[in-house]
Amino acid sequence: MPDTITTLFVGAVGGAVAAAIQYGFRRLAEAEQVRREIVERQLLQLQDAVESLYYRANNLRDWAGKAVMSEVYYRQTSAYAIGRVLAHASLLVSTGVYAKLRRDALLKHEIKARLHALDRAMDDQSFLHYHRVQLGEMALDGERVLGYTAFLARWPEARFADATESVSRFLQAVAPERLDAMRREAERLIALLSRQTSVPSALALAGEGTQQ
């Protein structure tokens, strides 16, 4: 009888350990799946948006910039480049991405800090925080970031007048040092995102002065 009890006890302990190990692996697999989804659905798109903003700032700062653009094209395309980044930043909060990154506290902190620094670089005391919030909302349809054509369709709408007027003023008077700050913060964020997505950044081509 003692041998039987011992066998049953060992078997029960072994089963519990096996179940705990299986549970641990399952949780790790679930966490990795969530992380992959965040990379594919959020971080890749954010990286692309920030790269577009970088190229625009780089073009305005070091290349032909406004000289080859009409005023309307310059304002609307630049506003879209900014708005798309702000829209993706908003989605990280509204879709719970930061909460899902609870196992990656450092990454969560770094992304949020870099986005905050980029947002702060655009604050000229006229293009204010809630102007930028509204511009981000203008580039959103639910949980989807609008394409450029859909974004343009909203440009004349009265409900977005504060955003379009404030970003237009910002773009008309943006100082070189502010463009430098935007470009610098965008570059830092792109480097961070590229490490997470494993998609190389195209910043090496920035010196060619891509017209965007």
N, C-alpha and C. Protein backbone atom coordinates (compact mmCIF):
# COMPACT_ATOMS: atom_id res chain seq x y z
N MET A 1 0.81 -1.22 0.00
CA MET A 1 0.00 0.00 0.00
C MET A 1 0.85 1.27 0.00
N PRO A 2 1.88 1.37 0.86
CA PRO A 2 2.71 2.58 0.82
C PRO A 2 3.30 2.83 -0.56
N ASP A 3 3.73 1.71 -1.23
CA ASP A 3 4.31 1.88 -2.57
C ASP A 3 3.27 2.44 -3.53
N THR A 4 2.03 1.99 -3.39
CA THR A 4 0.95 2.48 -4.26
C THR A 4 0.70 3.95 -4.02
N ILE A 5 0.67 4.33 -2.75
CA ILE A 5 0.45 5.75 -2.41
C ILE A 5 1.59 6.61 -2.97
N THR A 6 2.82 6.09 -2.80
CA THR A 6 3.98 6.84 -3.32
C THR A 6 3.89 7.00 -4.83
N THR A 7 3.51 5.91 -5.50
CA THR A 7 3.39 5.95 -6.96
C THR A 7 2.33 6.95 -7.39
N LEU A 8 1.20 6.93 -6.69
CA LEU A 8 0.13 7.87 -7.02
C LEU A 8 0.56 9.31 -6.77
N PHE A 9 1.29 9.50 -5.65
CA PHE A 9 1.74 10.86 -5.31
C PHE A 9 2.73 11.37 -6.36
N VAL A 10 3.69 10.52 -6.72
CA VAL A 10 4.69 10.91 -7.73
C VAL A 10 4.01 11.20 -9.05
N GLY A 11 3.03 10.35 -9.38
CA GLY A 11 2.31 10.56 -10.63
C GLY A 11 1.54 11.87 -10.63
N ALA A 12 0.92 12.18 -9.48
CA ALA A 12 0.16 13.43 -9.39
C ALA A 12 1.08 14.65 -9.49
N VAL A 13 2.22 14.57 -8.81
CA VAL A 13 3.18 15.68 -8.86
C VAL A 13 3.71 15.84 -10.28
N GLY A 14 4.05 14.70 -10.89
CA GLY A 14 4.57 14.76 -12.26
C GLY A 14 3.55 15.35 -13.22
N GLY A 15 2.28 14.97 -13.03
CA GLY A 15 1.23 15.52 -13.89
C GLY A 15 1.05 17.01 -13.68
N ALA A 16 1.14 17.43 -12.41
CA ALA A 16 1.00 18.85 -12.12
C ALA A 16 2.15 19.65 -12.73
N VAL A 17 3.37 19.09 -12.62
CA VAL A 17 4.53 19.77 -13.20
C VAL A 17 4.40 19.86 -14.71
N ALA A 18 3.98 18.76 -15.33
CA ALA A 18 3.81 18.74 -16.79
C ALA A 18 2.75 19.76 -17.22
N ALA A 19 1.66 19.81 -16.46
CA ALA A 19 0.59 20.76 -16.78
C ALA A 19 1.08 22.20 -16.63
N ALA A 20 1.88 22.45 -15.57
CA ALA A 20 2.41 23.80 -15.36
C ALA A 20 3.36 24.20 -16.48
N ILE A 21 4.18 23.25 -16.92
CA ILE A 21 5.11 23.54 -18.02
C ILE A 21 4.33 23.82 -19.30
N GLN A 22 3.32 22.98 -19.58
CA GLN A 22 2.51 23.20 -20.77
C GLN A 22 1.81 24.56 -20.73
N TYR A 23 1.31 24.90 -19.55
CA TYR A 23 0.64 26.20 -19.38
C TYR A 23 1.62 27.35 -19.63
N GLY A 24 2.84 27.19 -19.09
CA GLY A 24 3.85 28.23 -19.29
C GLY A 24 4.19 28.41 -20.76
N PHE A 25 4.39 27.28 -21.46
CA PHE A 25 4.70 27.37 -22.89
C PHE A 25 3.53 27.97 -23.67
N ARG A 26 2.31 27.61 -23.27
CA ARG A 26 1.13 28.15 -23.96
C ARG A 26 1.04 29.66 -23.76
N ARG A 27 1.32 30.12 -22.54
CA ARG A 27 1.28 31.56 -22.28
C ARG A 27 2.36 32.29 -23.06
N LEU A 28 3.55 31.68 -23.14
CA LEU A 28 4.62 32.29 -23.92
C LEU A 28 4.26 32.36 -25.40
N ALA A 29 3.63 31.28 -25.91
CA ALA A 29 3.23 31.26 -27.31
C ALA A 29 2.16 32.31 -27.58
N GLU A 30 1.22 32.45 -26.64
CA GLU A 30 0.18 33.47 -26.80
C GLU A 30 0.76 34.87 -26.78
N ALA A 31 1.73 35.10 -25.87
CA ALA A 31 2.37 36.41 -25.78
C ALA A 31 3.13 36.72 -27.07
N GLU A 32 3.81 35.70 -27.62
CA GLU A 32 4.55 35.90 -28.86
C GLU A 32 3.60 36.18 -30.03
N GLN A 33 2.45 35.51 -30.04
CA GLN A 33 1.46 35.76 -31.08
C GLN A 33 0.93 37.19 -31.00
N VAL A 34 0.65 37.64 -29.78
CA VAL A 34 0.19 39.02 -29.60
C VAL A 34 1.25 39.99 -30.08
N ARG A 35 2.50 39.70 -29.75
CA ARG A 35 3.60 40.58 -30.16
C ARG A 35 3.72 40.65 -31.68
N ARG A 36 3.59 39.48 -32.34
CA ARG A 36 3.67 39.46 -33.81
C ARG A 36 2.54 40.28 -34.42
N GLU A 37 1.35 40.16 -33.84
CA GLU A 37 0.21 40.92 -34.37
C GLU A 37 0.43 42.42 -34.20
N ILE A 38 1.01 42.80 -33.05
CA ILE A 38 1.29 44.22 -32.82
C ILE A 38 2.31 44.73 -33.85
N VAL A 39 3.33 43.94 -34.09
CA VAL A 39 4.35 44.34 -35.07
C VAL A 39 3.72 44.47 -36.45
N GLU A 40 2.91 43.47 -36.86
CA GLU A 40 2.37 43.45 -38.22
C GLU A 40 1.28 44.50 -38.42
N ARG A 41 0.45 44.72 -37.41
CA ARG A 41 -0.70 45.59 -37.59
C ARG A 41 -0.46 47.03 -37.14
N GLN A 42 0.53 47.24 -36.29
CA GLN A 42 0.71 48.57 -35.71
C GLN A 42 2.11 49.13 -35.98
N LEU A 43 3.14 48.41 -35.56
CA LEU A 43 4.47 49.00 -35.58
C LEU A 43 5.03 49.18 -36.99
N LEU A 44 4.72 48.24 -37.88
CA LEU A 44 5.18 48.40 -39.26
C LEU A 44 4.56 49.63 -39.91
N GLN A 45 3.25 49.81 -39.68
CA GLN A 45 2.56 50.96 -40.26
C GLN A 45 3.06 52.26 -39.64
N LEU A 46 3.32 52.23 -38.33
CA LEU A 46 3.87 53.41 -37.68
C LEU A 46 5.25 53.73 -38.24
N GLN A 47 6.07 52.72 -38.42
CA GLN A 47 7.41 52.93 -38.99
C GLN A 47 7.31 53.60 -40.36
N ASP A 48 6.41 53.10 -41.20
CA ASP A 48 6.25 53.67 -42.54
C ASP A 48 5.81 55.13 -42.47
N ALA A 49 4.87 55.42 -41.57
CA ALA A 49 4.37 56.79 -41.43
C ALA A 49 5.47 57.74 -40.94
N VAL A 50 6.26 57.28 -39.96
CA VAL A 50 7.32 58.14 -39.43
C VAL A 50 8.41 58.34 -40.49
N GLU A 51 8.69 57.32 -41.29
CA GLU A 51 9.67 57.49 -42.35
C GLU A 51 9.19 58.54 -43.36
N SER A 52 7.90 58.52 -43.70
CA SER A 52 7.37 59.53 -44.62
C SER A 52 7.53 60.93 -44.06
N LEU A 53 7.27 61.09 -42.76
CA LEU A 53 7.45 62.40 -42.13
C LEU A 53 8.92 62.80 -42.13
N TYR A 54 9.79 61.85 -41.87
CA TYR A 54 11.23 62.13 -41.91
C TYR A 54 11.64 62.63 -43.29
N TYR A 55 11.20 61.93 -44.33
CA TYR A 55 11.57 62.32 -45.69
C TYR A 55 11.07 63.72 -46.02
N ARG A 56 9.85 64.04 -45.57
CA ARG A 56 9.33 65.37 -45.85
C ARG A 56 10.18 66.43 -45.15
N ALA A 57 10.49 66.22 -43.87
CA ALA A 57 11.33 67.19 -43.15
C ALA A 57 12.71 67.28 -43.78
N ASN A 58 13.26 66.14 -44.18
CA ASN A 58 14.57 66.11 -44.80
C ASN A 58 14.56 66.86 -46.13
N ASN A 59 13.51 66.66 -46.90
CA ASN A 59 13.39 67.31 -48.21
C ASN A 59 13.27 68.83 -48.05
N LEU A 60 12.47 69.26 -47.09
CA LEU A 60 12.29 70.69 -46.86
C LEU A 60 13.57 71.33 -46.33
N ARG A 61 14.33 70.56 -45.56
CA ARG A 61 15.51 71.12 -44.91
C ARG A 61 16.71 71.16 -45.84
N ASP A 62 16.93 70.10 -46.60
CA ASP A 62 18.20 69.97 -47.31
C ASP A 62 18.08 69.89 -48.84
N TRP A 63 16.85 69.78 -49.36
CA TRP A 63 16.70 69.61 -50.79
C TRP A 63 15.76 70.68 -51.35
N ALA A 64 15.15 70.39 -52.48
CA ALA A 64 14.36 71.42 -53.17
C ALA A 64 13.16 71.88 -52.37
N GLY A 65 12.58 70.97 -51.60
CA GLY A 65 11.48 71.34 -50.72
C GLY A 65 10.34 72.05 -51.40
N LYS A 66 9.94 73.18 -50.83
CA LYS A 66 8.76 73.91 -51.32
C LYS A 66 8.95 74.45 -52.73
N ALA A 67 10.19 74.55 -53.18
CA ALA A 67 10.43 75.15 -54.49
C ALA A 67 9.78 74.37 -55.62
N VAL A 68 9.57 73.08 -55.44
CA VAL A 68 8.98 72.26 -56.51
C VAL A 68 7.53 71.90 -56.20
N MET A 69 6.95 72.50 -55.17
CA MET A 69 5.57 72.19 -54.78
C MET A 69 4.70 73.43 -54.89
N SER A 70 3.45 73.23 -55.27
CA SER A 70 2.50 74.32 -55.12
C SER A 70 2.20 74.49 -53.64
N GLU A 71 1.67 75.64 -53.27
CA GLU A 71 1.38 75.89 -51.86
C GLU A 71 0.34 74.91 -51.32
N VAL A 72 -0.68 74.64 -52.12
CA VAL A 72 -1.74 73.72 -51.68
C VAL A 72 -1.17 72.32 -51.50
N TYR A 73 -0.39 71.87 -52.48
CA TYR A 73 0.21 70.53 -52.40
C TYR A 73 1.10 70.44 -51.16
N TYR A 74 1.91 71.45 -50.93
CA TYR A 74 2.80 71.46 -49.78
C TYR A 74 2.03 71.35 -48.48
N ARG A 75 0.99 72.17 -48.32
CA ARG A 75 0.24 72.17 -47.06
C ARG A 75 -0.49 70.85 -46.85
N GLN A 76 -1.17 70.36 -47.87
CA GLN A 76 -2.00 69.18 -47.70
C GLN A 76 -1.17 67.91 -47.55
N THR A 77 -0.11 67.77 -48.32
CA THR A 77 0.71 66.56 -48.20
C THR A 77 1.50 66.56 -46.89
N SER A 78 1.99 67.72 -46.50
CA SER A 78 2.72 67.80 -45.23
C SER A 78 1.79 67.55 -44.05
N ALA A 79 0.57 68.09 -44.13
CA ALA A 79 -0.41 67.85 -43.07
C ALA A 79 -0.75 66.37 -42.98
N TYR A 80 -0.84 65.69 -44.13
CA TYR A 80 -1.13 64.26 -44.11
C TYR A 80 0.03 63.47 -43.50
N ALA A 81 1.25 63.85 -43.84
CA ALA A 81 2.42 63.16 -43.27
C ALA A 81 2.42 63.28 -41.75
N ILE A 82 2.10 64.46 -41.25
CA ILE A 82 2.02 64.67 -39.80
C ILE A 82 0.82 63.93 -39.21
N GLY A 83 -0.33 64.10 -39.85
CA GLY A 83 -1.56 63.51 -39.34
C GLY A 83 -1.51 61.99 -39.28
N ARG A 84 -0.86 61.38 -40.24
CA ARG A 84 -0.78 59.91 -40.25
C ARG A 84 0.03 59.41 -39.06
N VAL A 85 1.12 60.08 -38.73
CA VAL A 85 1.90 59.68 -37.54
C VAL A 85 1.05 59.85 -36.28
N LEU A 86 0.37 60.99 -36.17
CA LEU A 86 -0.47 61.24 -35.00
C LEU A 86 -1.60 60.23 -34.89
N ALA A 87 -2.15 59.82 -36.03
CA ALA A 87 -3.23 58.83 -36.03
C ALA A 87 -2.73 57.49 -35.52
N HIS A 88 -1.58 57.05 -36.01
CA HIS A 88 -1.02 55.78 -35.54
C HIS A 88 -0.67 55.84 -34.06
N ALA A 89 -0.17 56.98 -33.61
CA ALA A 89 0.15 57.13 -32.19
C ALA A 89 -1.12 57.01 -31.34
N SER A 90 -2.22 57.60 -31.82
CA SER A 90 -3.49 57.51 -31.12
C SER A 90 -3.98 56.06 -31.05
N LEU A 91 -3.79 55.31 -32.13
CA LEU A 91 -4.25 53.92 -32.15
C LEU A 91 -3.50 53.04 -31.15
N LEU A 92 -2.25 53.36 -30.87
CA LEU A 92 -1.51 52.58 -29.88
C LEU A 92 -2.19 52.64 -28.52
N VAL A 93 -2.85 53.76 -28.24
CA VAL A 93 -3.58 53.91 -26.98
C VAL A 93 -4.97 53.31 -27.10
N SER A 94 -5.71 53.71 -28.13
CA SER A 94 -7.13 53.34 -28.23
C SER A 94 -7.34 51.86 -28.48
N THR A 95 -6.38 51.18 -29.11
CA THR A 95 -6.53 49.74 -29.36
C THR A 95 -5.83 48.89 -28.30
N GLY A 96 -5.31 49.54 -27.26
CA GLY A 96 -4.73 48.80 -26.14
C GLY A 96 -3.37 48.20 -26.39
N VAL A 97 -2.63 48.72 -27.38
CA VAL A 97 -1.33 48.14 -27.69
C VAL A 97 -0.37 48.26 -26.51
N TYR A 98 -0.37 49.41 -25.85
CA TYR A 98 0.54 49.58 -24.71
C TYR A 98 0.24 48.56 -23.62
N ALA A 99 -1.05 48.31 -23.39
CA ALA A 99 -1.42 47.33 -22.37
C ALA A 99 -0.97 45.92 -22.78
N LYS A 100 -1.05 45.61 -24.06
CA LYS A 100 -0.66 44.28 -24.54
C LYS A 100 0.85 44.08 -24.49
N LEU A 101 1.59 45.16 -24.40
CA LEU A 101 3.05 45.07 -24.31
C LEU A 101 3.53 45.02 -22.86
N ARG A 102 2.71 44.51 -21.97
CA ARG A 102 3.06 44.53 -20.55
C ARG A 102 4.33 43.73 -20.27
N ARG A 103 4.65 42.74 -21.11
CA ARG A 103 5.88 41.98 -20.91
C ARG A 103 7.09 42.71 -21.49
N ASP A 104 6.83 43.77 -22.26
CA ASP A 104 7.90 44.55 -22.88
C ASP A 104 7.83 45.98 -22.35
N ALA A 105 8.00 46.12 -21.04
CA ALA A 105 7.84 47.43 -20.41
C ALA A 105 8.82 48.46 -20.97
N LEU A 106 10.06 48.03 -21.23
CA LEU A 106 11.06 48.95 -21.74
C LEU A 106 10.69 49.42 -23.15
N LEU A 107 10.27 48.49 -24.00
CA LEU A 107 9.86 48.85 -25.36
C LEU A 107 8.68 49.81 -25.32
N LYS A 108 7.70 49.52 -24.49
CA LYS A 108 6.52 50.39 -24.35
C LYS A 108 6.95 51.79 -23.94
N HIS A 109 7.83 51.87 -22.97
CA HIS A 109 8.31 53.18 -22.51
C HIS A 109 9.05 53.91 -23.62
N GLU A 110 9.91 53.20 -24.34
CA GLU A 110 10.72 53.84 -25.37
C GLU A 110 9.87 54.36 -26.53
N ILE A 111 8.89 53.56 -26.97
CA ILE A 111 8.02 54.00 -28.06
C ILE A 111 7.24 55.24 -27.64
N LYS A 112 6.67 55.17 -26.45
CA LYS A 112 5.87 56.30 -25.97
C LYS A 112 6.74 57.55 -25.81
N ALA A 113 7.94 57.39 -25.28
CA ALA A 113 8.84 58.52 -25.08
C ALA A 113 9.26 59.14 -26.41
N ARG A 114 9.57 58.30 -27.39
CA ARG A 114 10.00 58.81 -28.70
C ARG A 114 8.84 59.50 -29.42
N LEU A 115 7.63 58.96 -29.32
CA LEU A 115 6.47 59.61 -29.92
C LEU A 115 6.19 60.95 -29.24
N HIS A 116 6.35 60.98 -27.93
CA HIS A 116 6.13 62.23 -27.19
C HIS A 116 7.15 63.28 -27.62
N ALA A 117 8.39 62.86 -27.80
CA ALA A 117 9.44 63.80 -28.21
C ALA A 117 9.16 64.34 -29.62
N LEU A 118 8.69 63.48 -30.51
CA LEU A 118 8.36 63.92 -31.87
C LEU A 118 7.17 64.88 -31.84
N ASP A 119 6.18 64.56 -31.04
CA ASP A 119 5.01 65.43 -30.91
C ASP A 119 5.42 66.79 -30.33
N ARG A 120 6.29 66.77 -29.33
CA ARG A 120 6.75 68.00 -28.70
C ARG A 120 7.54 68.87 -29.68
N ALA A 121 8.25 68.23 -30.60
CA ALA A 121 9.04 68.97 -31.58
C ALA A 121 8.15 69.80 -32.51
N MET A 122 6.87 69.45 -32.59
CA MET A 122 5.94 70.18 -33.46
C MET A 122 5.21 71.30 -32.72
N ASP A 123 5.42 71.42 -31.43
CA ASP A 123 4.70 72.42 -30.64
C ASP A 123 5.41 73.76 -30.73
N ASP A 124 4.83 74.67 -31.53
CA ASP A 124 5.41 76.01 -31.69
C ASP A 124 4.62 77.06 -30.94
N GLN A 125 3.80 76.63 -29.99
CA GLN A 125 2.94 77.51 -29.19
C GLN A 125 1.79 78.08 -30.02
N SER A 126 1.61 77.60 -31.22
CA SER A 126 0.46 77.98 -32.05
C SER A 126 -0.24 76.72 -32.57
N PHE A 127 0.55 75.75 -33.01
CA PHE A 127 0.04 74.43 -33.40
C PHE A 127 -0.02 73.60 -32.13
N LEU A 128 -1.12 73.77 -31.39
CA LEU A 128 -1.20 73.28 -30.01
C LEU A 128 -1.56 71.80 -29.93
N HIS A 129 -1.49 71.28 -28.69
CA HIS A 129 -1.70 69.85 -28.46
C HIS A 129 -3.01 69.35 -29.07
N TYR A 130 -4.12 70.03 -28.77
CA TYR A 130 -5.40 69.51 -29.26
C TYR A 130 -5.64 69.82 -30.72
N HIS A 131 -4.89 70.75 -31.30
CA HIS A 131 -4.87 70.87 -32.76
C HIS A 131 -4.27 69.60 -33.35
N ARG A 132 -3.20 69.13 -32.73
CA ARG A 132 -2.54 67.92 -33.23
C ARG A 132 -3.40 66.69 -32.97
N VAL A 133 -4.08 66.66 -31.84
CA VAL A 133 -5.01 65.55 -31.57
C VAL A 133 -6.08 65.50 -32.65
N GLN A 134 -6.65 66.66 -32.99
CA GLN A 134 -7.71 66.69 -33.99
C GLN A 134 -7.18 66.32 -35.38
N LEU A 135 -5.95 66.74 -35.70
CA LEU A 135 -5.38 66.36 -36.98
C LEU A 135 -5.21 64.84 -37.05
N GLY A 136 -4.82 64.22 -35.95
CA GLY A 136 -4.75 62.76 -35.90
C GLY A 136 -6.12 62.13 -36.10
N GLU A 137 -7.14 62.70 -35.49
CA GLU A 137 -8.51 62.19 -35.65
C GLU A 137 -8.98 62.35 -37.10
N MET A 138 -8.55 63.42 -37.74
CA MET A 138 -8.92 63.66 -39.14
C MET A 138 -8.38 62.57 -40.05
N ALA A 139 -7.25 61.97 -39.65
CA ALA A 139 -6.64 60.91 -40.46
C ALA A 139 -7.12 59.52 -40.07
N LEU A 140 -8.12 59.44 -39.20
CA LEU A 140 -8.62 58.15 -38.72
C LEU A 140 -10.07 57.92 -39.13
N ASP A 141 -10.38 56.67 -39.42
CA ASP A 141 -11.76 56.21 -39.57
C ASP A 141 -11.90 54.97 -38.70
N GLY A 142 -12.38 55.15 -37.48
CA GLY A 142 -12.41 54.05 -36.54
C GLY A 142 -10.99 53.65 -36.17
N GLU A 143 -10.64 52.38 -36.47
CA GLU A 143 -9.30 51.89 -36.19
C GLU A 143 -8.47 51.79 -37.46
N ARG A 144 -8.88 52.54 -38.48
CA ARG A 144 -8.18 52.51 -39.76
C ARG A 144 -7.63 53.89 -40.08
N VAL A 145 -6.36 53.95 -40.45
CA VAL A 145 -5.75 55.21 -40.86
C VAL A 145 -6.11 55.45 -42.33
N LEU A 146 -6.63 56.62 -42.61
CA LEU A 146 -7.10 56.93 -43.95
C LEU A 146 -5.95 57.06 -44.94
N GLY A 147 -6.23 56.71 -46.19
CA GLY A 147 -5.31 57.01 -47.27
C GLY A 147 -5.37 58.49 -47.60
N TYR A 148 -4.46 58.93 -48.44
CA TYR A 148 -4.34 60.36 -48.73
C TYR A 148 -5.61 60.93 -49.37
N THR A 149 -6.21 60.21 -50.30
CA THR A 149 -7.41 60.72 -50.97
C THR A 149 -8.56 60.90 -49.99
N ALA A 150 -8.76 59.92 -49.13
CA ALA A 150 -9.83 60.03 -48.13
C ALA A 150 -9.54 61.15 -47.14
N PHE A 151 -8.27 61.33 -46.80
CA PHE A 151 -7.87 62.44 -45.93
C PHE A 151 -8.21 63.78 -46.58
N LEU A 152 -7.88 63.92 -47.86
CA LEU A 152 -8.16 65.17 -48.57
C LEU A 152 -9.66 65.48 -48.62
N ALA A 153 -10.49 64.43 -48.70
CA ALA A 153 -11.93 64.65 -48.75
C ALA A 153 -12.44 65.31 -47.48
N ARG A 154 -11.71 65.15 -46.39
CA ARG A 154 -12.11 65.76 -45.12
C ARG A 154 -11.58 67.19 -44.96
N TRP A 155 -10.65 67.58 -45.81
CA TRP A 155 -9.99 68.87 -45.65
C TRP A 155 -10.96 70.04 -45.58
N PRO A 156 -12.01 70.10 -46.43
CA PRO A 156 -12.91 71.25 -46.37
C PRO A 156 -13.95 71.20 -45.25
N GLU A 157 -14.04 70.08 -44.52
CA GLU A 157 -15.11 69.92 -43.54
C GLU A 157 -14.91 70.87 -42.36
N ALA A 158 -16.00 71.54 -41.99
CA ALA A 158 -15.95 72.55 -40.93
C ALA A 158 -15.49 71.96 -39.60
N ARG A 159 -15.82 70.72 -39.34
CA ARG A 159 -15.47 70.12 -38.04
C ARG A 159 -13.96 69.98 -37.86
N PHE A 160 -13.21 70.01 -38.96
CA PHE A 160 -11.75 69.89 -38.86
C PHE A 160 -11.06 71.22 -39.13
N ALA A 161 -11.80 72.31 -39.12
CA ALA A 161 -11.24 73.62 -39.48
C ALA A 161 -10.10 74.03 -38.55
N ASP A 162 -10.25 73.80 -37.26
CA ASP A 162 -9.18 74.18 -36.32
C ASP A 162 -7.88 73.45 -36.66
N ALA A 163 -8.01 72.17 -36.98
CA ALA A 163 -6.81 71.38 -37.29
C ALA A 163 -6.16 71.84 -38.59
N THR A 164 -6.96 72.01 -39.64
CA THR A 164 -6.38 72.37 -40.93
C THR A 164 -5.80 73.78 -40.91
N GLU A 165 -6.47 74.70 -40.22
CA GLU A 165 -5.97 76.07 -40.16
C GLU A 165 -4.69 76.15 -39.32
N SER A 166 -4.67 75.44 -38.21
CA SER A 166 -3.49 75.51 -37.34
C SER A 166 -2.28 74.82 -37.97
N VAL A 167 -2.50 73.68 -38.62
CA VAL A 167 -1.36 73.00 -39.25
C VAL A 167 -0.88 73.80 -40.46
N SER A 168 -1.79 74.48 -41.15
CA SER A 168 -1.38 75.32 -42.28
C SER A 168 -0.51 76.47 -41.80
N ARG A 169 -0.90 77.11 -40.70
CA ARG A 169 -0.07 78.19 -40.14
C ARG A 169 1.30 77.66 -39.72
N PHE A 170 1.28 76.50 -39.09
CA PHE A 170 2.52 75.88 -38.66
C PHE A 170 3.46 75.65 -39.84
N LEU A 171 2.92 75.10 -40.92
CA LEU A 171 3.73 74.76 -42.08
C LEU A 171 4.23 75.99 -42.83
N GLN A 172 3.45 77.05 -42.81
CA GLN A 172 3.85 78.28 -43.50
C GLN A 172 5.02 78.96 -42.79
N ALA A 173 5.11 78.76 -41.47
CA ALA A 173 6.11 79.50 -40.69
C ALA A 173 7.13 78.59 -40.01
N VAL A 174 7.15 77.31 -40.39
CA VAL A 174 8.02 76.37 -39.67
C VAL A 174 9.49 76.77 -39.83
N ALA A 175 10.19 76.83 -38.73
CA ALA A 175 11.58 77.27 -38.71
C ALA A 175 12.51 76.10 -39.02
N PRO A 176 13.67 76.37 -39.60
CA PRO A 176 14.63 75.30 -39.91
C PRO A 176 15.00 74.46 -38.69
N GLU A 177 15.18 75.12 -37.55
CA GLU A 177 15.55 74.35 -36.35
C GLU A 177 14.42 73.42 -35.90
N ARG A 178 13.17 73.79 -36.18
CA ARG A 178 12.06 72.90 -35.83
C ARG A 178 12.04 71.70 -36.77
N LEU A 179 12.31 71.93 -38.04
CA LEU A 179 12.43 70.82 -38.97
C LEU A 179 13.56 69.88 -38.57
N ASP A 180 14.67 70.47 -38.11
CA ASP A 180 15.79 69.65 -37.63
C ASP A 180 15.37 68.79 -36.45
N ALA A 181 14.61 69.38 -35.52
CA ALA A 181 14.16 68.64 -34.34
C ALA A 181 13.21 67.51 -34.74
N MET A 182 12.28 67.80 -35.65
CA MET A 182 11.35 66.78 -36.12
C MET A 182 12.09 65.64 -36.80
N ARG A 183 13.04 66.01 -37.64
CA ARG A 183 13.82 64.99 -38.37
C ARG A 183 14.63 64.14 -37.39
N ARG A 184 15.24 64.77 -36.42
CA ARG A 184 16.06 64.05 -35.44
C ARG A 184 15.23 63.07 -34.63
N GLU A 185 14.08 63.53 -34.14
CA GLU A 185 13.23 62.65 -33.33
C GLU A 185 12.62 61.55 -34.17
N ALA A 186 12.27 61.86 -35.41
CA ALA A 186 11.74 60.83 -36.31
C ALA A 186 12.79 59.75 -36.56
N GLU A 187 14.04 60.17 -36.76
CA GLU A 187 15.11 59.21 -37.03
C GLU A 187 15.31 58.27 -35.83
N ARG A 188 15.24 58.82 -34.64
CA ARG A 188 15.41 57.98 -33.44
C ARG A 188 14.26 56.98 -33.31
N LEU A 189 13.04 57.43 -33.60
CA LEU A 189 11.89 56.53 -33.51
C LEU A 189 11.96 55.45 -34.58
N ILE A 190 12.38 55.82 -35.78
CA ILE A 190 12.50 54.83 -36.86
C ILE A 190 13.52 53.76 -36.49
N ALA A 191 14.64 54.16 -35.93
CA ALA A 191 15.66 53.19 -35.53
C ALA A 191 15.10 52.21 -34.50
N LEU A 192 14.34 52.72 -33.54
CA LEU A 192 13.72 51.88 -32.52
C LEU A 192 12.73 50.90 -33.15
N LEU A 193 11.87 51.41 -34.00
CA LEU A 193 10.85 50.56 -34.62
C LEU A 193 11.47 49.52 -35.55
N SER A 194 12.49 49.93 -36.27
CA SER A 194 13.14 49.01 -37.20
C SER A 194 13.74 47.81 -36.46
N ARG A 195 14.26 48.04 -35.28
CA ARG A 195 14.80 46.93 -34.49
C ARG A 195 13.70 45.95 -34.09
N GLN A 196 12.51 46.46 -33.87
CA GLN A 196 11.40 45.60 -33.44
C GLN A 196 10.74 44.89 -34.61
N THR A 197 10.62 45.56 -35.74
CA THR A 197 9.92 44.97 -36.89
C THR A 197 10.85 44.11 -37.75
N SER A 198 12.17 44.29 -37.57
CA SER A 198 13.17 43.61 -38.40
C SER A 198 13.06 44.01 -39.87
N VAL A 199 12.41 45.14 -40.13
CA VAL A 199 12.34 45.69 -41.48
C VAL A 199 13.34 46.84 -41.57
N PRO A 200 14.35 46.72 -42.40
CA PRO A 200 15.37 47.78 -42.46
C PRO A 200 14.76 49.11 -42.87
N SER A 201 15.25 50.15 -42.26
CA SER A 201 14.81 51.49 -42.63
C SER A 201 15.48 51.91 -43.92
N ALA A 202 14.77 52.73 -44.69
CA ALA A 202 15.33 53.24 -45.93
C ALA A 202 16.04 54.57 -45.72
N LEU A 203 16.36 54.92 -44.49
CA LEU A 203 16.97 56.21 -44.23
C LEU A 203 18.33 56.37 -44.91
N ALA A 204 18.95 55.26 -45.26
CA ALA A 204 20.23 55.35 -45.95
C ALA A 204 20.08 56.05 -47.29
N LEU A 205 18.85 56.04 -47.82
CA LEU A 205 18.59 56.70 -49.10
C LEU A 205 18.19 58.16 -48.94
N ALA A 206 18.07 58.61 -47.69
CA ALA A 206 17.60 59.98 -47.45
C ALA A 206 18.51 61.01 -48.11
N GLY A 207 19.78 60.70 -48.21
CA GLY A 207 20.72 61.63 -48.82
C GLY A 207 20.46 61.87 -50.29
N GLU A 208 19.62 61.02 -50.92
CA GLU A 208 19.32 61.20 -52.32
C GLU A 208 18.22 62.22 -52.53
N GLY A 209 17.61 62.70 -51.42
CA GLY A 209 16.64 63.77 -51.53
C GLY A 209 15.35 63.40 -52.21
N THR A 210 14.79 62.23 -51.85
CA THR A 210 13.52 61.81 -52.42
C THR A 210 12.48 62.89 -52.28
N GLN A 211 11.80 63.22 -53.38
CA GLN A 211 10.80 64.28 -53.34
C GLN A 211 9.49 63.74 -52.81
N GLN A 212 9.12 64.17 -51.60
CA GLN A 212 7.86 63.72 -51.01
C GLN A 212 7.12 64.90 -50.44
